[in-house]
Protein backbone atom coordinates (compact mmCIF):
# COMPACT_ATOMS: atom_id res chain seq x y z
CA MET A 1 -40.67 5.92 56.49
CA ASN A 2 -38.99 7.55 53.48
CA THR A 3 -39.04 4.83 51.07
CA GLN A 4 -38.17 7.81 48.50
CA GLY A 5 -34.58 7.35 50.33
CA ILE A 6 -34.30 3.82 49.91
CA SER A 7 -30.21 3.43 49.93
CA TRP A 8 -28.57 0.45 48.18
CA ARG A 9 -27.09 -0.63 51.19
CA ASP A 10 -30.48 -0.99 52.93
CA SER A 11 -31.61 -2.57 50.12
CA ILE A 12 -29.49 -5.28 50.06
CA LEU A 13 -29.83 -5.55 53.82
CA PHE A 14 -33.69 -6.02 53.61
CA ALA A 15 -33.25 -8.99 51.10
CA GLY A 16 -30.61 -10.27 53.14
CA ALA A 17 -33.18 -10.54 55.51
CA VAL A 18 -35.74 -11.52 53.42
CA LEU A 19 -33.34 -14.65 52.55
CA ARG A 20 -32.76 -16.21 55.81
CA ARG A 21 -36.33 -15.73 56.86
CA TYR A 22 -37.44 -18.17 54.01
CA ARG A 23 -34.43 -20.80 54.53
CA PHE A 24 -36.04 -23.31 52.54
CA ARG A 25 -36.32 -21.49 49.24
CA THR A 26 -33.00 -19.68 49.88
CA SER A 27 -31.63 -23.31 50.44
CA MET A 28 -33.03 -25.00 47.07
CA MET A 29 -32.12 -22.34 45.01
CA LEU A 30 -28.85 -22.48 46.27
CA LEU A 31 -28.10 -25.94 45.87
CA ALA A 32 -29.35 -25.18 42.08
CA MET A 33 -26.68 -22.89 41.60
CA THR A 34 -24.18 -24.57 42.85
CA LEU A 35 -24.73 -27.54 41.09
CA ALA A 36 -25.00 -25.83 37.77
CA VAL A 37 -21.84 -23.77 38.59
CA GLY A 38 -19.74 -26.83 39.86
CA SER A 39 -20.69 -29.44 37.37
CA VAL A 40 -19.30 -26.39 34.18
CA VAL A 41 -15.98 -25.95 36.56
CA ALA A 42 -15.70 -30.21 36.90
CA PHE A 43 -16.34 -30.83 33.46
CA THR A 44 -14.39 -28.42 31.39
CA ALA A 45 -11.66 -29.48 34.10
CA LEU A 46 -12.04 -33.32 32.86
CA GLY A 47 -11.75 -31.95 29.25
CA GLU A 48 -8.51 -30.08 30.46
CA GLY A 49 -7.05 -32.85 32.36
CA ALA A 50 -7.12 -35.05 29.34
CA ARG A 51 -5.94 -32.34 27.26
CA GLY A 52 -2.78 -31.46 29.44
CA TYR A 53 -2.30 -35.41 29.90
CA VAL A 54 -2.38 -35.89 25.97
CA ARG A 55 -0.17 -33.28 25.51
CA ASN A 56 2.46 -34.27 28.21
CA GLU A 57 2.60 -37.25 26.61
CA PHE A 58 3.89 -36.32 23.49
CA ALA A 59 6.16 -33.71 25.20
CA SER A 60 7.71 -36.73 26.40
CA MET A 61 8.13 -38.25 23.05
CA GLY A 62 10.24 -34.75 21.70
CA THR A 63 9.03 -32.46 19.32
CA ASP A 64 12.17 -32.90 17.30
CA LEU A 65 11.86 -36.28 16.37
CA LEU A 66 10.39 -37.83 13.43
CA VAL A 67 8.73 -41.11 13.61
CA VAL A 68 8.61 -43.63 10.13
CA MET A 69 5.82 -45.61 10.52
CA PRO A 70 4.91 -48.45 8.07
CA GLY A 71 2.02 -47.94 5.90
CA ARG A 72 0.85 -44.89 3.96
CA LYS A 73 -1.81 -42.03 5.01
CA GLU A 74 -2.47 -39.10 2.77
CA THR A 75 -1.28 -36.79 5.44
CA THR A 76 2.41 -36.79 6.73
CA GLY A 77 2.29 -34.31 9.80
CA GLY A 78 -1.64 -32.52 10.25
CA GLY A 79 -3.00 -35.66 11.52
CA GLY A 80 -2.35 -39.06 13.46
CA PRO A 81 -1.91 -42.08 11.17
CA PRO A 82 -3.20 -45.16 13.08
CA PRO A 83 -1.52 -46.89 15.53
CA ILE A 84 -0.62 -49.76 12.89
CA GLY A 85 -0.59 -48.67 9.32
CA THR A 86 -1.51 -50.98 6.55
CA ALA A 87 1.79 -51.49 5.19
CA THR A 88 2.58 -52.81 1.67
CA ARG A 89 5.99 -53.71 2.66
CA ASP A 90 7.90 -53.86 5.90
CA VAL A 91 10.40 -51.67 7.13
CA THR A 92 13.62 -53.83 8.07
CA LEU A 93 17.12 -53.14 9.31
CA ALA A 94 18.18 -53.08 6.27
CA ASP A 95 16.33 -50.07 5.35
CA VAL A 96 17.70 -48.76 8.63
CA LYS A 97 21.31 -49.35 7.95
CA ALA A 98 20.85 -47.86 4.02
CA LEU A 99 19.41 -44.72 6.17
CA HIS A 100 22.55 -44.39 7.99
CA THR A 101 24.31 -43.71 4.34
CA ARG A 102 21.58 -41.46 3.14
CA LEU A 103 20.38 -38.89 5.97
CA HIS A 104 22.88 -36.19 6.35
CA GLY A 105 20.75 -34.56 8.93
CA ALA A 106 20.27 -37.15 11.11
CA GLN A 107 21.97 -37.79 14.36
CA ARG A 108 20.47 -40.51 15.63
CA ILE A 109 18.32 -43.45 14.36
CA ALA A 110 16.03 -45.99 16.72
CA PRO A 111 14.73 -48.73 15.10
CA LEU A 112 12.14 -50.05 17.61
CA MET A 113 9.79 -53.58 18.17
CA ALA A 114 7.29 -54.26 20.50
CA GLY A 115 5.81 -57.25 21.86
CA LYS A 116 4.59 -58.66 25.21
CA VAL A 117 6.31 -61.88 26.23
CA GLU A 118 6.70 -63.78 29.67
CA VAL A 119 9.84 -62.94 31.88
CA SER A 120 10.89 -65.31 34.16
CA ALA A 121 13.35 -65.02 37.27
CA ASN A 122 13.54 -66.77 40.43
CA ALA A 123 10.45 -69.07 40.03
CA ARG A 124 8.52 -65.74 39.39
CA THR A 125 6.74 -65.07 36.30
CA ARG A 126 4.85 -61.99 34.49
CA ASP A 127 4.12 -61.02 31.34
CA VAL A 128 6.43 -57.83 30.32
CA MET A 129 6.04 -55.45 27.48
CA VAL A 130 9.31 -56.14 25.82
CA LEU A 131 11.19 -53.11 23.38
CA GLY A 132 13.57 -54.21 21.09
CA THR A 133 15.71 -51.04 20.19
CA ASN A 134 19.68 -50.14 20.25
CA ALA A 135 21.75 -47.40 22.33
CA ASP A 136 20.62 -44.81 20.46
CA TYR A 137 16.97 -45.09 22.05
CA PHE A 138 18.88 -44.56 25.13
CA ALA A 139 20.06 -41.16 24.03
CA ILE A 140 17.23 -39.91 22.57
CA ARG A 141 14.63 -40.67 25.08
CA GLU A 142 17.29 -39.86 27.44
CA LEU A 143 16.82 -42.65 29.43
CA MET A 144 18.98 -43.28 32.65
CA VAL A 145 19.81 -46.33 34.82
CA MET A 146 20.01 -46.61 38.65
CA ASN A 147 21.93 -49.55 38.29
CA GLY A 148 24.38 -50.87 35.40
CA ASN A 149 24.60 -49.88 31.97
CA VAL A 150 22.38 -49.28 28.84
CA PHE A 151 22.99 -50.95 25.78
CA PRO A 152 26.62 -51.03 24.07
CA GLU A 153 27.23 -49.47 20.78
CA ILE A 154 26.76 -52.52 18.50
CA ASP A 155 25.53 -53.20 14.89
CA ASN A 156 21.72 -53.35 14.84
CA ASP A 157 21.74 -56.87 13.30
CA VAL A 158 24.13 -58.66 16.54
CA ALA A 159 21.65 -60.08 18.44
CA GLN A 160 23.42 -59.91 22.30
CA PRO A 161 21.19 -61.44 24.82
CA VAL A 162 21.45 -58.48 26.91
CA CYS A 163 18.31 -56.84 28.79
CA VAL A 164 17.89 -53.31 30.38
CA ILE A 165 14.43 -53.66 32.73
CA GLY A 166 12.28 -51.26 33.96
CA SER A 167 12.12 -50.77 38.36
CA LYS A 168 8.85 -52.31 38.46
CA VAL A 169 10.14 -55.28 36.98
CA ARG A 170 12.91 -55.50 38.78
CA GLU A 171 11.23 -55.07 41.86
CA GLU A 172 8.25 -58.05 40.70
CA LEU A 173 11.52 -60.54 39.83
CA PHE A 174 14.07 -59.80 42.37
CA GLY A 175 12.60 -57.98 44.59
CA ASN A 176 15.56 -56.36 47.50
CA GLN A 177 18.10 -58.59 45.54
CA GLN A 178 20.32 -57.19 42.88
CA ALA A 179 18.93 -57.61 39.68
CA VAL A 180 22.14 -56.38 37.26
CA GLY A 181 24.34 -59.36 36.05
CA GLU A 182 21.28 -61.92 36.85
CA TRP A 183 19.71 -63.99 33.94
CA VAL A 184 16.10 -63.59 33.21
CA LYS A 185 14.33 -65.94 30.67
CA MET A 186 11.95 -63.93 27.98
CA GLY A 187 9.70 -66.69 25.80
CA ASP A 188 12.30 -69.58 25.37
CA ARG A 189 15.56 -67.18 25.56
CA ARG A 190 17.32 -66.33 28.30
CA PHE A 191 18.97 -62.40 28.61
CA ARG A 192 21.24 -61.21 31.30
CA VAL A 193 20.37 -58.50 32.88
CA ILE A 194 23.02 -55.20 32.37
CA GLY A 195 20.73 -52.29 34.00
CA VAL A 196 17.83 -50.98 35.12
CA LEU A 197 15.93 -47.97 34.08
CA SER A 198 15.46 -45.06 36.88
CA GLY A 199 12.26 -43.36 37.18
CA LYS A 200 9.18 -44.14 35.29
CA ALA A 201 10.92 -43.30 31.73
CA ASP A 202 7.82 -43.22 29.51
CA GLY A 203 8.32 -43.17 26.18
CA SER A 204 6.22 -43.87 22.59
CA GLY A 205 3.90 -45.22 24.19
CA PHE A 206 5.11 -47.55 26.62
CA ASP A 207 5.65 -47.54 30.67
CA LEU A 208 9.03 -48.48 30.59
CA SER A 209 9.34 -48.89 34.67
CA ASP A 210 6.94 -51.83 33.37
CA GLY A 211 8.95 -53.20 30.94
CA ALA A 212 12.72 -54.43 29.14
CA LEU A 213 14.52 -53.48 26.74
CA ILE A 214 16.58 -56.18 24.44
CA PRO A 215 18.65 -55.16 21.42
CA VAL A 216 16.47 -55.21 18.40
CA ALA A 217 18.21 -57.89 16.37
CA SER A 218 17.42 -60.40 19.79
CA ALA A 219 13.74 -59.07 19.63
CA GLN A 220 13.39 -60.40 15.83
CA ILE A 221 14.45 -63.63 16.89
CA LEU A 222 12.40 -63.79 19.91
CA PHE A 223 9.00 -62.25 18.27
CA ASN A 224 9.75 -64.19 15.19
CA ARG A 225 9.23 -61.30 12.57
CA GLU A 226 11.58 -58.98 10.55
CA GLY A 227 9.35 -56.06 10.06
CA LEU A 228 9.99 -52.80 12.70
CA PHE A 229 7.06 -51.47 14.64
CA ARG A 230 8.45 -48.24 14.64
CA VAL A 231 12.07 -46.01 13.58
CA ILE A 232 12.43 -42.62 15.36
CA VAL A 233 15.11 -40.42 13.91
CA GLN A 234 16.40 -37.65 16.11
CA PRO A 235 17.75 -34.52 13.52
CA ARG A 236 20.92 -33.13 14.04
CA ALA A 237 21.69 -29.18 16.24
CA TYR A 238 19.70 -26.66 13.77
CA TYR A 239 19.20 -28.52 10.98
CA ASP A 240 15.95 -28.29 8.92
CA ILE A 241 13.34 -30.60 10.48
CA ASP A 242 11.09 -30.59 7.77
CA LYS A 243 13.59 -30.89 5.39
CA LEU A 244 14.46 -33.83 7.13
CA GLN A 245 11.31 -35.32 6.66
CA GLN A 246 11.04 -34.53 3.14
CA GLU A 247 14.64 -36.49 3.29
CA LEU A 248 13.10 -39.52 4.89
CA LEU A 249 10.52 -40.04 2.56
CA ALA A 250 12.80 -39.64 -0.34
CA ALA A 251 14.91 -42.24 0.97
CA PHE A 252 11.75 -44.78 1.56
CA ARG A 253 10.64 -43.80 -1.89
CA GLU A 254 13.73 -45.21 -3.52
CA LEU A 255 14.11 -48.20 -1.20
CA HIS A 256 10.96 -49.33 -1.54
CA GLN A 257 11.29 -49.09 -5.75
CA GLY A 258 9.60 -46.18 -6.06
CA GLU A 259 6.58 -46.90 -3.34
CA ASP A 260 5.26 -44.41 -0.98
CA ASP A 261 4.33 -47.04 1.86
CA VAL A 262 5.62 -45.52 4.98
CA THR A 263 4.34 -42.39 7.22
CA VAL A 264 6.64 -39.80 8.32
CA VAL A 265 5.15 -37.62 11.34
CA LYS A 266 6.28 -35.40 13.85
CA PRO A 267 5.18 -35.79 17.47
CA ASP A 268 4.04 -31.98 17.64
CA SER A 269 2.11 -32.06 14.61
CA MET A 270 -0.04 -34.83 15.99
CA MET A 271 0.14 -33.08 19.42
CA LYS A 272 -1.57 -30.06 17.82
CA THR A 273 -4.22 -32.30 16.02
CA PHE A 274 -5.58 -33.69 20.03
CA ASP A 275 -4.88 -30.26 21.41
CA ASN A 276 -7.62 -29.03 18.77
CA ILE A 277 -9.82 -32.04 19.92
CA PHE A 278 -9.63 -31.82 23.16
CA SER A 279 -10.48 -28.38 23.14
CA ALA A 280 -13.50 -28.86 20.98
CA LEU A 281 -13.94 -31.55 23.64
CA THR A 282 -13.57 -29.05 26.53
CA LEU A 283 -16.00 -26.53 25.18
CA GLY A 284 -18.38 -29.14 24.55
CA VAL A 285 -18.50 -30.62 27.80
CA GLY A 286 -18.77 -27.19 29.09
CA ALA A 287 -21.72 -26.44 27.13
CA ILE A 288 -23.66 -29.40 27.96
CA ALA A 289 -22.59 -28.65 31.70
CA GLY A 290 -23.68 -25.19 31.00
CA ILE A 291 -27.49 -26.06 30.27
CA SER A 292 -28.17 -26.93 33.88
CA LEU A 293 -27.62 -23.00 34.14
CA LEU A 294 -30.48 -22.33 32.30
CA VAL A 295 -32.66 -25.09 34.40
CA ALA A 296 -31.29 -23.29 37.60
CA GLY A 297 -32.41 -20.03 35.83
CA VAL A 298 -35.80 -21.33 35.56
CA LEU A 299 -35.78 -22.23 38.88
CA VAL A 300 -35.01 -19.28 39.95
CA MET A 301 -38.17 -17.83 37.80
CA ASN A 302 -40.58 -20.02 39.55
CA LEU A 303 -39.35 -19.98 43.46
CA THR A 304 -39.38 -15.92 42.65
CA LEU A 305 -42.80 -16.31 41.22
CA ILE A 306 -43.74 -18.24 44.59
CA SER A 307 -42.33 -16.04 46.64
CA VAL A 308 -44.52 -12.90 45.22
CA SER A 309 -47.43 -14.97 45.76
CA GLN A 310 -46.45 -15.38 49.34
CA ARG A 311 -45.46 -11.91 50.22
CA THR A 312 -48.31 -10.32 48.71
CA LYS A 313 -49.46 -8.21 51.96
CA GLU A 314 -45.65 -7.19 52.52
CA ILE A 315 -46.00 -5.67 49.33
CA GLY A 316 -48.80 -3.84 49.72
CA LEU A 317 -47.21 -2.35 53.00
CA LEU A 318 -44.15 -1.48 51.20
CA LYS A 319 -46.09 0.60 48.90
CA ALA A 320 -48.40 2.02 51.37
CA LEU A 321 -45.86 3.23 52.95
CA GLY A 322 -44.66 4.86 49.61
CA ALA A 323 -42.28 2.71 48.15
CA SER A 324 -42.14 3.06 44.19
CA ASP A 325 -42.49 0.26 41.50
CA HIS A 326 -38.71 0.77 41.36
CA HIS A 327 -37.89 0.08 44.69
CA ILE A 328 -39.98 -3.35 44.96
CA ARG A 329 -38.27 -4.52 41.48
CA ARG A 330 -34.84 -3.43 42.85
CA LEU A 331 -35.61 -5.36 46.64
CA PHE A 332 -37.00 -8.43 44.43
CA LEU A 333 -33.83 -8.50 41.85
CA LEU A 334 -31.46 -7.75 44.64
CA GLU A 335 -32.55 -11.14 46.76
CA SER A 336 -32.06 -13.43 43.15
CA LEU A 337 -28.91 -11.82 42.71
CA LEU A 338 -27.02 -12.34 46.24
CA LEU A 339 -28.77 -16.18 45.80
CA CYS A 340 -26.98 -16.23 42.38
CA LEU A 341 -23.58 -15.09 43.50
CA ALA A 342 -23.70 -16.90 46.64
CA GLY A 343 -24.88 -20.29 44.89
CA ALA A 344 -21.79 -19.66 41.90
CA LEU A 345 -19.39 -19.17 44.49
CA CYS A 346 -20.36 -22.83 46.03
CA GLY A 347 -20.46 -23.98 42.46
CA VAL A 348 -16.91 -22.84 42.18
CA PHE A 349 -15.63 -23.90 45.68
CA ALA A 350 -17.17 -27.56 45.25
CA GLY A 351 -16.27 -27.78 41.36
CA GLU A 352 -12.16 -27.09 42.59
CA LEU A 353 -12.76 -29.62 45.33
CA LEU A 354 -13.81 -32.10 42.92
CA VAL A 355 -10.65 -31.26 40.57
CA LEU A 356 -8.31 -31.48 43.39
CA LEU A 357 -10.06 -34.87 44.57
CA GLY A 358 -9.00 -36.03 40.86
CA ARG A 359 -5.38 -34.92 41.16
CA ILE A 360 -5.26 -36.86 44.23
CA LEU A 361 -6.73 -39.94 42.61
CA TRP A 362 -4.89 -39.64 39.23
CA PRO A 363 -1.72 -37.54 39.82
CA SER A 364 -0.43 -38.13 36.53
CA VAL A 365 -3.88 -36.11 34.93
CA PRO A 366 -3.18 -32.54 35.41
CA PHE A 367 -6.84 -31.98 36.26
CA ALA A 368 -7.56 -27.60 36.29
CA ALA A 369 -10.66 -25.87 35.48
CA PRO A 370 -9.77 -23.19 32.96
CA TRP A 371 -10.41 -19.99 33.95
CA TRP A 372 -12.42 -19.00 31.45
CA ALA A 373 -15.29 -21.67 32.29
CA VAL A 374 -14.93 -20.37 36.38
CA ILE A 375 -15.67 -16.56 35.02
CA THR A 376 -18.25 -17.53 32.51
CA SER A 377 -20.20 -19.57 34.28
CA MET A 378 -20.37 -17.30 37.13
CA GLY A 379 -21.36 -14.73 34.74
CA ILE A 380 -24.23 -16.15 33.38
CA ALA A 381 -25.58 -17.44 37.20
CA LEU A 382 -25.57 -13.81 37.39
CA PHE A 383 -27.08 -12.83 34.47
CA SER A 384 -29.80 -16.18 34.46
CA GLY A 385 -30.73 -14.66 37.97
CA LEU A 386 -31.18 -11.13 36.97
CA VAL A 387 -32.92 -12.15 33.76
CA PHE A 388 -35.18 -14.86 35.39
CA ALA A 389 -36.24 -12.79 37.99
CA TRP A 390 -37.10 -9.68 36.16
CA LEU A 391 -40.67 -11.01 35.24
CA PRO A 392 -41.86 -12.12 38.75
CA ALA A 393 -40.12 -9.01 39.96
CA SER A 394 -41.67 -6.78 37.56
CA ARG A 395 -45.25 -8.52 38.07
CA ALA A 396 -44.48 -7.70 42.43
CA ALA A 397 -44.09 -4.11 41.49
CA ARG A 398 -47.29 -3.99 39.34
CA GLN A 399 -49.45 -4.78 42.68
CA GLN A 400 -51.81 -2.13 43.70
CA PRO A 401 -51.73 -1.03 47.55
CA VAL A 402 -55.18 -2.04 48.32
CA ASP A 403 -55.46 -5.26 46.44
CA ALA A 404 -51.80 -6.43 48.07
CA LEU A 405 -52.93 -5.49 51.36
CA ALA A 406 -55.92 -7.41 51.14
CA GLY A 407 -54.00 -10.53 49.47
CA LYS A 408 -55.06 -10.04 46.11
CA LEU A 409 -52.66 -10.78 43.64
CA THR A 410 -53.01 -9.10 40.60
């Protein structure tokens, strides 16, 4: 046997034969690497899915809009205020009316009131999120109706008893019957259905397919309050949104006797903040999952040490036939690398299966493992297999032929 001429092909074939011979050890190392790499892929996909879901939600709000919230935060764009601000003064319909004359760069202004009320029709009752707004809201959100019409162009202070309901509400209350033209009872008031929204129509954090819209003045009566929940302002085409933001703040300062008691934010600014948060979260959970790769590397070292002790006579025979320390070390390292490569590939496959399952169960969340997580986890798996197997492989290479043939491990 001319071991000085052992090729890489022969070394790989020999390592593969050894792995097949020690099936239990091979399966344990494969399982460890599969779980380690799979956890990295799955956890980073979870973080990216949450990040993508938030981005899609903010994108549905529109990035070229300004949102006015009661209450004041020190930051007006870089971060998001709490859902409900600590308001020193309500934002009212009178303020909205004044904005129409003060904001030359605003194309549409939509006041919003929100509340959950009991809605009934045809002896069927359910709790529904009701949004009070005006016709501009439909244009801003690009809402469409499958039947009927959207709100008419009326003054914000006109309380017409009309409503547009979501598709889920129509199905729950009317079944297969025609809903447009029918009356529904909201709280202690009655409203005529003039339209049914098409699609899911998510906006402003509400699932409008499972909600209803009524004129804002009607919402003030229904909820028995004057303060608005939000005011959405859409700028004119090519108008500087930052300039309009400053005009809004100045207008409210003038309307509220010099007090800065509102917050004006841009959805894209909030989206960037949340994007940074979820990016850090993805890195964090990926790093936590990556610890399992180190644990798998320790297992590789331990199992390789056991393999060296079990194959002492085999090492002695190879050395007696002329194998050098380099060849012995190469054989053990190749075994480890082949195992880690196979385990990494299985881990990526298992992780992607979990990602696919997540997409099926939660189709609205865009689960996807980032490419860097897949490449990094496979790279660390191979690196750990090489590093942690080096010590046992070097120990095997140092064996003296006579001692090894006698079964003595030195």
